[in-house]
PDB file of N, CA and C in Angstrom:
ATOM      1  N   MET A   1     157.862  93.347 144.208  1.00  0.00           N
ATOM      2  CA  MET A   1     156.380  93.696 143.817  1.00  0.00           C
ATOM      3  C   MET A   1     155.869  95.039 144.228  1.00  0.00           C
ATOM      4  N   LYS A   2     156.901  95.147 145.594  1.00  0.00           N
ATOM      5  CA  LYS A   2     156.191  96.557 146.048  1.00  0.00           C
ATOM      6  C   LYS A   2     156.596  98.013 144.903  1.00  0.00           C
ATOM      7  N   ASN A   3     157.573  97.696 144.570  1.00  0.00           N
ATOM      8  CA  ASN A   3     158.064  98.728 143.456  1.00  0.00           C
ATOM      9  C   ASN A   3     157.076  98.920 142.337  1.00  0.00           C
ATOM     10  N   ASN A   4     156.656  97.818 141.926  1.00  0.00           N
ATOM     11  CA  ASN A   4     155.400  97.902 140.948  1.00  0.00           C
ATOM     12  C   ASN A   4     154.163  98.393 141.269  1.00  0.00           C
ATOM     13  N   VAL A   5     153.638  98.287 142.665  1.00  0.00           N
ATOM     14  CA  VAL A   5     152.588  98.811 142.717  1.00  0.00           C
ATOM     15  C   VAL A   5     152.735 100.084 143.031  1.00  0.00           C
ATOM     16  N   ASP A   6     154.176 100.819 143.626  1.00  0.00           N
ATOM     17  CA  ASP A   6     154.626 102.030 143.760  1.00  0.00           C
ATOM     18  C   ASP A   6     154.702 102.991 142.415  1.00  0.00           C
ATOM     19  N   SER A   7     154.961 101.916 141.310  1.00  0.00           N
ATOM     20  CA  SER A   7     155.141 102.781 140.083  1.00  0.00           C
ATOM     21  C   SER A   7     153.553 103.167 139.622  1.00  0.00           C
ATOM     22  N   LYS A   8     152.972 101.922 139.977  1.00  0.00           N
ATOM     23  CA  LYS A   8     151.311 102.069 139.313  1.00  0.00           C
ATOM     24  C   LYS A   8     150.617 103.396 140.035  1.00  0.00           C
ATOM     25  N   LEU A   9     150.922 103.468 141.031  1.00  0.00           N
ATOM     26  CA  LEU A   9     150.411 104.157 142.262  1.00  0.00           C
ATOM     27  C   LEU A   9     150.760 105.691 141.618  1.00  0.00           C
ATOM     28  N   LEU A  10     152.076 105.612 141.514  1.00  0.00           N
ATOM     29  CA  LEU A  10     152.633 106.974 141.082  1.00  0.00           C
ATOM     30  C   LEU A  10     151.778 107.751 139.772  1.00  0.00           C
ATOM     31  N   LEU A  11     151.811 106.233 138.517  1.00  0.00           N
ATOM     32  CA  LEU A  11     151.338 106.948 137.221  1.00  0.00           C
ATOM     33  C   LEU A  11     149.750 107.098 137.341  1.00  0.00           C
ATOM     34  N   GLY A  12     148.836 106.539 138.533  1.00  0.00           N
ATOM     35  CA  GLY A  12     147.593 107.128 138.569  1.00  0.00           C
ATOM     36  C   GLY A  12     147.434 108.233 139.219  1.00  0.00           C
ATOM     37  N   LEU A  13     148.640 108.433 139.993  1.00  0.00           N
ATOM     38  CA  LEU A  13     148.383 110.030 140.288  1.00  0.00           C
ATOM     39  C   LEU A  13     148.766 110.886 139.555  1.00  0.00           C
ATOM     40  N   LEU A  14     149.708 110.583 138.609  1.00  0.00           N
ATOM     41  CA  LEU A  14     150.255 111.811 137.421  1.00  0.00           C
ATOM     42  C   LEU A  14     149.057 111.788 136.245  1.00  0.00           C
ATOM     43  N   VAL A  15     148.620 110.534 136.129  1.00  0.00           N
ATOM     44  CA  VAL A  15     147.372 110.810 134.858  1.00  0.00           C
ATOM     45  C   VAL A  15     146.168 111.487 135.532  1.00  0.00           C
ATOM     46  N   GLY A  16     146.080 111.230 136.783  1.00  0.00           N
ATOM     47  CA  GLY A  16     144.883 112.063 137.666  1.00  0.00           C
ATOM     48  C   GLY A  16     145.128 113.590 137.484  1.00  0.00           C
ATOM     49  N   ALA A  17     146.286 114.044 137.888  1.00  0.00           N
ATOM     50  CA  ALA A  17     146.489 115.377 137.807  1.00  0.00           C
ATOM     51  C   ALA A  17     146.548 115.873 136.445  1.00  0.00           C
ATOM     52  N   ALA A  18     146.966 115.250 135.737  1.00  0.00           N
ATOM     53  CA  ALA A  18     146.948 115.980 134.072  1.00  0.00           C
ATOM     54  C   ALA A  18     145.365 115.897 133.299  1.00  0.00           C
ATOM     55  N   VAL A  19     144.305 114.956 134.236  1.00  0.00           N
ATOM     56  CA  VAL A  19     142.913 115.132 133.908  1.00  0.00           C
ATOM     57  C   VAL A  19     142.460 116.501 134.231  1.00  0.00           C
ATOM     58  N   GLY A  20     142.870 116.052 135.781  1.00  0.00           N
ATOM     59  CA  GLY A  20     142.354 117.427 136.852  1.00  0.00           C
ATOM     60  C   GLY A  20     142.659 118.788 135.985  1.00  0.00           C
ATOM     61  N   ALA A  21     143.965 118.872 135.515  1.00  0.00           N
ATOM     62  CA  ALA A  21     144.551 120.273 134.930  1.00  0.00           C
ATOM     63  C   ALA A  21     144.073 120.445 133.653  1.00  0.00           C
ATOM     64  N   ALA A  22     143.750 119.322 132.759  1.00  0.00           N
ATOM     65  CA  ALA A  22     143.070 119.682 131.802  1.00  0.00           C
ATOM     66  C   ALA A  22     141.391 120.186 131.656  1.00  0.00           C
ATOM     67  N   ILE A  23     140.765 119.526 132.794  1.00  0.00           N
ATOM     68  CA  ILE A  23     139.318 119.965 132.945  1.00  0.00           C
ATOM     69  C   ILE A  23     139.549 121.604 133.302  1.00  0.00           C
ATOM     70  N   GLY A  24     140.704 121.535 134.289  1.00  0.00           N
ATOM     71  CA  GLY A  24     140.368 123.246 134.513  1.00  0.00           C
ATOM     72  C   GLY A  24     140.733 123.916 133.873  1.00  0.00           C
ATOM     73  N   TYR A  25     141.498 123.506 133.063  1.00  0.00           N
ATOM     74  CA  TYR A  25     142.066 124.669 131.788  1.00  0.00           C
ATOM     75  C   TYR A  25     140.324 124.848 131.127  1.00  0.00           C
ATOM     76  N   LEU A  26     139.738 123.430 130.205  1.00  0.00           N
ATOM     77  CA  LEU A  26     138.989 123.689 129.736  1.00  0.00           C
ATOM     78  C   LEU A  26     137.374 124.489 130.690  1.00  0.00           C
ATOM     79  N   ALA A  27     137.572 124.471 131.982  1.00  0.00           N
ATOM     80  CA  ALA A  27     136.628 124.994 132.492  1.00  0.00           C
ATOM     81  C   ALA A  27     136.774 126.541 132.656  1.00  0.00           C
ATOM     82  N   ALA A  28     137.973 127.359 132.284  1.00  0.00           N
ATOM     83  CA  ALA A  28     138.328 128.636 132.570  1.00  0.00           C
ATOM     84  C   ALA A  28     138.554 129.239 131.421  1.00  0.00           C
ATOM     85  N   THR A  29     138.968 128.659 130.084  1.00  0.00           N
ATOM     86  CA  THR A  29     139.230 129.236 129.119  1.00  0.00           C
ATOM     87  C   THR A  29     138.044 129.628 128.396  1.00  0.00           C
ATOM     88  N   ASP A  30     137.656 130.733 127.458  1.00  0.00           N
ATOM     89  CA  ASP A  30     136.993 131.275 126.866  1.00  0.00           C
ATOM     90  C   ASP A  30     136.258 130.638 125.488  1.00  0.00           C
ATOM     91  N   LYS A  31     137.511 129.809 124.727  1.00  0.00           N
ATOM     92  CA  LYS A  31     137.344 129.110 123.542  1.00  0.00           C
ATOM     93  C   LYS A  31     136.904 127.557 123.939  1.00  0.00           C
ATOM     94  N   LYS A  32     136.582 127.574 125.278  1.00  0.00           N
ATOM     95  CA  LYS A  32     136.145 125.758 125.439  1.00  0.00           C
ATOM     96  C   LYS A  32     135.396 125.461 124.476  1.00  0.00           C
ATOM     97  N   GLU A  33     134.107 126.146 123.612  1.00  0.00           N
ATOM     98  CA  GLU A  33     133.319 125.171 122.782  1.00  0.00           C
ATOM     99  C   GLU A  33     134.291 125.235 121.336  1.00  0.00           C
ATOM    100  N   GLN A  34     135.116 125.909 121.245  1.00  0.00           N
ATOM    101  CA  GLN A  34     136.217 125.592 119.915  1.00  0.00           C
ATOM    102  C   GLN A  34     137.360 124.360 120.081  1.00  0.00           C
ATOM    103  N   ILE A  35     137.394 124.242 121.356  1.00  0.00           N
ATOM    104  CA  ILE A  35     138.318 123.196 122.030  1.00  0.00           C
ATOM    105  C   ILE A  35     137.278 121.800 122.143  1.00  0.00           C
ATOM    106  N   LEU A  36     136.262 121.811 122.828  1.00  0.00           N
ATOM    107  CA  LEU A  36     135.657 120.808 122.720  1.00  0.00           C
ATOM    108  C   LEU A  36     135.133 120.427 121.195  1.00  0.00           C
ATOM    109  N   ASP A  37     134.991 121.162 120.573  1.00  0.00           N
ATOM    110  CA  ASP A  37     134.564 120.686 118.913  1.00  0.00           C
ATOM    111  C   ASP A  37     135.615 120.140 118.305  1.00  0.00           C
ATOM    112  N   GLU A  38     136.726 120.791 118.250  1.00  0.00           N
ATOM    113  CA  GLU A  38     138.026 120.294 118.076  1.00  0.00           C
ATOM    114  C   GLU A  38     138.222 118.542 118.554  1.00  0.00           C
ATOM    115  N   LEU A  39     137.857 118.725 119.597  1.00  0.00           N
ATOM    116  CA  LEU A  39     137.943 117.474 120.248  1.00  0.00           C
ATOM    117  C   LEU A  39     137.344 116.533 119.777  1.00  0.00           C
ATOM    118  N   ASN A  40     136.137 116.807 119.853  1.00  0.00           N
ATOM    119  CA  ASN A  40     134.976 115.956 119.328  1.00  0.00           C
ATOM    120  C   ASN A  40     135.444 115.362 118.032  1.00  0.00           C
ATOM    121  N   SER A  41     135.736 116.608 117.028  1.00  0.00           N
ATOM    122  CA  SER A  41     136.242 116.041 115.560  1.00  0.00           C
ATOM    123  C   SER A  41     137.158 114.888 115.544  1.00  0.00           C
ATOM    124  N   PHE A  42     138.451 115.098 116.773  1.00  0.00           N
ATOM    125  CA  PHE A  42     139.454 114.119 116.562  1.00  0.00           C
ATOM    126  C   PHE A  42     138.758 112.757 117.240  1.00  0.00           C
ATOM    127  N   VAL A  43     138.226 112.938 118.005  1.00  0.00           N
ATOM    128  CA  VAL A  43     137.493 111.780 118.628  1.00  0.00           C
ATOM    129  C   VAL A  43     136.446 111.025 117.362  1.00  0.00           C
ATOM    130  N   GLY A  44     135.919 111.877 116.904  1.00  0.00           N
ATOM    131  CA  GLY A  44     135.147 110.680 115.805  1.00  0.00           C
ATOM    132  C   GLY A  44     136.346 110.231 114.899  1.00  0.00           C
ATOM    133  N   LYS A  45     136.876 110.794 114.422  1.00  0.00           N
ATOM    134  CA  LYS A  45     138.088 110.375 113.278  1.00  0.00           C
ATOM    135  C   LYS A  45     138.702 109.104 113.797  1.00  0.00           C
ATOM    136  N   VAL A  46     139.021 109.336 115.112  1.00  0.00           N
ATOM    137  CA  VAL A  46     139.741 108.140 115.710  1.00  0.00           C
ATOM    138  C   VAL A  46     138.518 106.892 115.767  1.00  0.00           C
ATOM    139  N   LYS A  47     137.651 107.099 116.037  1.00  0.00           N
ATOM    140  CA  LYS A  47     136.426 106.142 116.083  1.00  0.00           C
ATOM    141  C   LYS A  47     136.228 105.660 114.359  1.00  0.00           C
ATOM    142  N   ASP A  48     136.194 106.406 114.028  1.00  0.00           N
ATOM    143  CA  ASP A  48     135.773 106.149 112.549  1.00  0.00           C
ATOM    144  C   ASP A  48     136.895 105.156 112.048  1.00  0.00           C
ATOM    145  N   GLY A  49     138.217 105.249 112.376  1.00  0.00           N
ATOM    146  CA  GLY A  49     139.282 104.624 112.082  1.00  0.00           C
ATOM    147  C   GLY A  49     139.734 103.202 112.469  1.00  0.00           C
ATOM    148  N   LEU A  50     138.941 103.385 113.821  1.00  0.00           N
ATOM    149  CA  LEU A  50     139.185 102.291 115.006  1.00  0.00           C
ATOM    150  C   LEU A  50     138.162 101.304 114.309  1.00  0.00           C
ATOM    151  N   ASN A  51     136.767 101.448 113.838  1.00  0.00           N
ATOM    152  CA  ASN A  51     135.639 101.022 113.199  1.00  0.00           C
ATOM    153  C   ASN A  51     135.991 100.186 111.989  1.00  0.00           C
ATOM    154  N   SER A  52     136.703 101.144 111.326  1.00  0.00           N
ATOM    155  CA  SER A  52     137.129 100.725 110.137  1.00  0.00           C
ATOM    156  C   SER A  52     137.966  98.894 110.186  1.00  0.00           C
ATOM    157  N   ALA A  53     139.192  99.778 111.112  1.00  0.00           N
ATOM    158  CA  ALA A  53     140.350  98.584 111.444  1.00  0.00           C
ATOM    159  C   ALA A  53     139.628  97.223 111.868  1.00  0.00           C
ATOM    160  N   VAL A  54     138.346  97.510 112.732  1.00  0.00           N
ATOM    161  CA  VAL A  54     137.781  96.292 113.341  1.00  0.00           C
ATOM    162  C   VAL A  54     136.637  95.343 112.341  1.00  0.00           C
ATOM    163  N   ASN A  55     136.239  96.354 111.458  1.00  0.00           N
ATOM    164  CA  ASN A  55     135.485  95.694 110.380  1.00  0.00           C
ATOM    165  C   ASN A  55     136.434  95.031 109.248  1.00  0.00           C
ATOM    166  N   LYS A  56     137.584  95.255 108.981  1.00  0.00           N
ATOM    167  CA  LYS A  56     138.698  94.517 108.239  1.00  0.00           C
ATOM    168  C   LYS A  56     139.269  93.325 108.553  1.00  0.00           C
ATOM    169  N   TYR A  57     139.323  93.559 109.961  1.00  0.00           N
ATOM    170  CA  TYR A  57     139.743  92.639 110.671  1.00  0.00           C
ATOM    171  C   TYR A  57     138.960  91.118 110.702  1.00  0.00           C
ATOM    172  N   LYS A  58     137.183  91.417 111.156  1.00  0.00           N
ATOM    173  CA  LYS A  58     136.516  90.887 110.862  1.00  0.00           C
ATOM    174  C   LYS A  58     136.059  90.215 109.849  1.00  0.00           C
ATOM    175  N   CYS A  59     136.234  90.968 108.700  1.00  0.00           N
ATOM    176  CA  CYS A  59     136.206  90.219 107.653  1.00  0.00           C
ATOM    177  C   CYS A  59     137.315  89.153 107.103  1.00  0.00           C
ATOM    178  N   LYS A  60     138.669  89.274 107.679  1.00  0.00           N
ATOM    179  CA  LYS A  60     139.493  88.415 107.409  1.00  0.00           C
ATOM    180  C   LYS A  60     139.170  87.344 108.110  1.00  0.00           C
ATOM    181  N   ILE A  61     138.532  87.546 109.364  1.00  0.00           N
ATOM    182  CA  ILE A  61     138.524  86.318 110.003  1.00  0.00           C
ATOM    183  C   ILE A  61     137.577  85.328 109.583  1.00  0.00           C
ATOM    184  N   GLU A  62     136.415  86.238 108.974  1.00  0.00           N
ATOM    185  CA  GLU A  62     135.415  85.305 108.428  1.00  0.00           C
ATOM    186  C   GLU A  62     135.536  84.634 107.503  1.00  0.00           C
ATOM    187  N   ASN A  63     136.416  85.133 106.338  1.00  0.00           N
ATOM    188  CA  ASN A  63     136.839  84.394 105.417  1.00  0.00           C
ATOM    189  C   ASN A  63     137.786  83.015 105.930  1.00  0.00           C
ATOM    190  N   LYS A  64     138.696  83.354 106.704  1.00  0.00           N
ATOM    191  CA  LYS A  64     139.378  81.985 107.114  1.00  0.00           C
ATOM    192  C   LYS A  64     138.501  81.112 107.916  1.00  0.00           C
ATOM    193  N   VAL A  65     137.376  81.295 108.776  1.00  0.00           N
ATOM    194  CA  VAL A  65     136.477  80.402 109.003  1.00  0.00           C
ATOM    195  C   VAL A  65     135.744  79.564 108.056  1.00  0.00           C
ATOM    196  N   ASP A  66     135.112  80.656 106.920  1.00  0.00           N
ATOM    197  CA  ASP A  66     134.365  79.993 105.991  1.00  0.00           C
ATOM    198  C   ASP A  66     135.801  79.300 105.089  1.00  0.00           C
ATOM    199  N   GLY A  67     136.746  79.466 104.834  1.00  0.00           N
ATOM    200  CA  GLY A  67     137.566  78.293 104.103  1.00  0.00           C
ATOM    201  C   GLY A  67     137.862  77.433 105.021  1.00  0.00           C
ATOM    202  N   ILE A  68     138.282  77.509 106.340  1.00  0.00           N
ATOM    203  CA  ILE A  68     137.938  75.922 107.233  1.00  0.00           C
ATOM    204  C   ILE A  68     136.846  75.489 107.276  1.00  0.00           C
ATOM    205  N   VAL A  69     135.499  75.903 107.063  1.00  0.00           N
ATOM    206  CA  VAL A  69     134.411  75.126 107.282  1.00  0.00           C
ATOM    207  C   VAL A  69     134.623  74.455 105.730  1.00  0.00           C
ATOM    208  N   GLU A  70     134.869  75.085 104.450  1.00  0.00           N
ATOM    209  CA  GLU A  70     134.846  74.134 103.329  1.00  0.00           C
ATOM    210  C   GLU A  70     135.922  73.254 103.171  1.00  0.00           C
ATOM    211  N   ASP A  71     136.980  73.258 104.081  1.00  0.00           N
ATOM    212  CA  ASP A  71     137.822  72.173 104.064  1.00  0.00           C
ATOM    213  C   ASP A  71     137.544  71.044 104.724  1.00  0.00           C
ATOM    214  N   LEU A  72     136.580  71.358 105.911  1.00  0.00           N
ATOM    215  CA  LEU A  72     136.094  70.157 106.541  1.00  0.00           C
ATOM    216  C   LEU A  72     134.930  69.515 105.744  1.00  0.00           C
ATOM    217  N   GLU A  73     134.129  70.301 105.448  1.00  0.00           N
ATOM    218  CA  GLU A  73     132.828  69.712 104.270  1.00  0.00           C
ATOM    219  C   GLU A  73     133.431  69.066 103.352  1.00  0.00           C
ATOM    220  N   ASN A  74     134.578  69.435 102.870  1.00  0.00           N
ATOM    221  CA  ASN A  74     135.173  68.432 101.573  1.00  0.00           C
ATOM    222  C   ASN A  74     135.932  67.066 102.247  1.00  0.00           C
ATOM    223  N   VAL A  75     135.981  67.181 103.380  1.00  0.00           N
ATOM    224  CA  VAL A  75     136.681  65.727 103.969  1.00  0.00           C
ATOM    225  C   VAL A  75     135.848  64.694 103.967  1.00  0.00           C
TER     226      VAL A  75
END
């Protein structure tokens, strides 16, 4: 149990250090606007893909529920 807590703490420290380094790099670079634009574009593409996957999954579930309701109505 203690090893699990220690590994989570170490992972949290490493992630925090990486995020801090990234923020420091963005604050110090001359190309921060270009980097932020590219990052926003990437995040937008990921968001669109995620929304598409959620909608596709939602439609499949709705179709299954509709089929179950029809089966129950026919009983």
